[in-house]
Structure formats: C-alpha cells, structure tokens
Amino acid sequence: MNDVIAEFIDYLSVERGLAANTLDSYSRDLKHFTKFLEKGSASSWDTVSRHTIAAYLAHLKKEGKAPATIARRLAALKSFYQFLVRERYIQRDPTLNLQSPKMEKKLPQVLTVKEVERLLGQPDTRTPAGKRDKAMLELLYATGIRVSELVSLNMRDINVDLGYVRCYGKGSKERIVPMGSMAVRSLRDYIKEGRPELLRNEGEQSLFLNHHGKRLTRQGFWKIVKKYAREARIRKPITPHTLRHSFATHLLENGADLRSVQEMLGHSDISTTQIYTHLTRGRLREIYAKAHPRA
C-alpha cells in the first residue's frame, strides 16, 4: 500500500509540480489513513468502501480533529482515489459524493479605533525607518489594501497630490483607492525625508525600502507590525490583515455602503465583503446592550 502512495506522491511532484510542503502533507495524511485501515478489515486499496471512508472521518471527529483538518484529509483521499481509478488500480472510487464537513466561518479579528491610534502612534518619525513605518501603517489603515499589495507598490503607484493609490490585487486586477489626509501627510514626509536616506540605488522604483535599499518584504513588514503591537500593548492576536479588517469594519460602522467597501477592498464577490456586516451587527448589539435601559 505504501508503494502506491509513493507512486502517487511522485505523480504529484512530476506531473503536477506541487511544492515539497504540499507533498509532505499528502504523504502524512495518506499514511495516517493506512494506519487506520490496519486496525480494520481492509487489506488493500480496492477493498476500501464508502463505509470505510465514512468510518475514518467519524474516527477523526471523535479524536477531536478540527473540521479544516478533516476536510484536508478527505481532499487528499479524493485526489488519491481519482489517481487509483485513472491508473486502473481500482474500478470504483469510494470517495465519490462524500461531503466535506462544514467549515466554521471565523470572523476576522479587528482593532478598536483607539487601538489603531495607539498602533499608528508607535513609530519614531525622527528616523528614516520610523517615517517609513508610519507611512506604511497609515496607508494600510487608510486604504485597506492587502499587505502583499502594500509592499509591491512602486513610486509611480502613489499620487499624493490627488490622494490616491493604484494597486494590483489578485489576478493582477488594477484598482484605484483613495487615501485620507493623515496617510498623505505621512507619505509626503517619508518620500521627502525618509526614503532618500534608505535609497542605495537611484534606479530603485520600490516605494518602501529596507535598510539595504531594496524592497521591503511582506515578512519584514510583518515583523514591524508585531513589534509596534507589542509596544502599543495590544493583547489581541494580530495578523497581516488586521488593519485591512479594521479599515472595512470601521467604514461600515460609520455608514459606508457595502458596494463601496467591496470595491476598495478589491473583492470580486460581495459575499466576501459581507463578513464585515456580521462584525458591525455584533458591535451594534454591544452598544445596544450597554445603552438601552431595558436591554
């Protein structure tokens, strides 16, 4: 059985060019399934039935595995059994029409306005790096662009006079997003006083530079955010998208319409943006509970 798994992993590597981490994940998941089979009656891949797979999924649930883990393992089995049918190791696919467990939609973590102000107040703008960090944080909160979009910005993508940023989202889709006066002010300061100090090569077009004068990476910016979150004593777990989530939530709380927020975030489907309405409803309930005398 393990020989066939090795053949499948080889197929994923050579034919589909999957990354090493993905291959390791498939291999682990399938070997975990074979260990489960060893305790039962199935001795080969063609003796595995739909009932066997269902029993395995129930076993995972009993073990307390998260729905995401169960869904991933089922996906590995589905892909594997499609391979077995295609290579004629078996005649029927026992995973056909088996449904993945429903994934619980986690609401994104957002900061309060006061927490955002504390975070944005941390950079020391007397230094070139501090000016850069301040500009990046202000721009991220002012526009809601993704961190990957932020670090990909070039000088030509910013217009501080008209107050907009041009970025390229998923699928290289271009969008123009307005930015507020605080972000414009911080960007002017960084471009005039901070960036020239960090610049090593006059031909460099990246907007945000690291200490070597090269484009600041996503990982580099993430370390910066975590550092300032610690200094601001923000206890909430922060992800690279926290300011993006906060931007959308604060806009909706203050009366912005969903379609405008969708456009600014660059969501192709409005249902993706609608998750923020759950957050604002929760906030409204909180306000109601505190303010209404008979709540």
Foldseek 3Di string as FASTA:
>chain_A
DLVLLVVVLVCCCPVVVDDPVVSVVLSVLVVVLVVVCVVDDDDDPQVQALVSLVVVLVVCVVVVHALVSSQVSLVSLQSSQVVCCVVVVYPDRRSPPPDRDDHDDDQDDADDPVLLVLLLPPQDLVALVSLLLNLLSQQCLFQLEALQFSLPDFPVQDDLVVAWGWTQDPPRRIAITGGDPSSSVSLVSNVVPRLVVQADDPPAGGSRADNVNHRQDSVNSQVVSVVSSVVSVPPDDDDSSRSSLNSLLVCVLVPDDQVVNCRSHVPPDSVVSCSSVVVSVVVVVVCCVVPPPVD
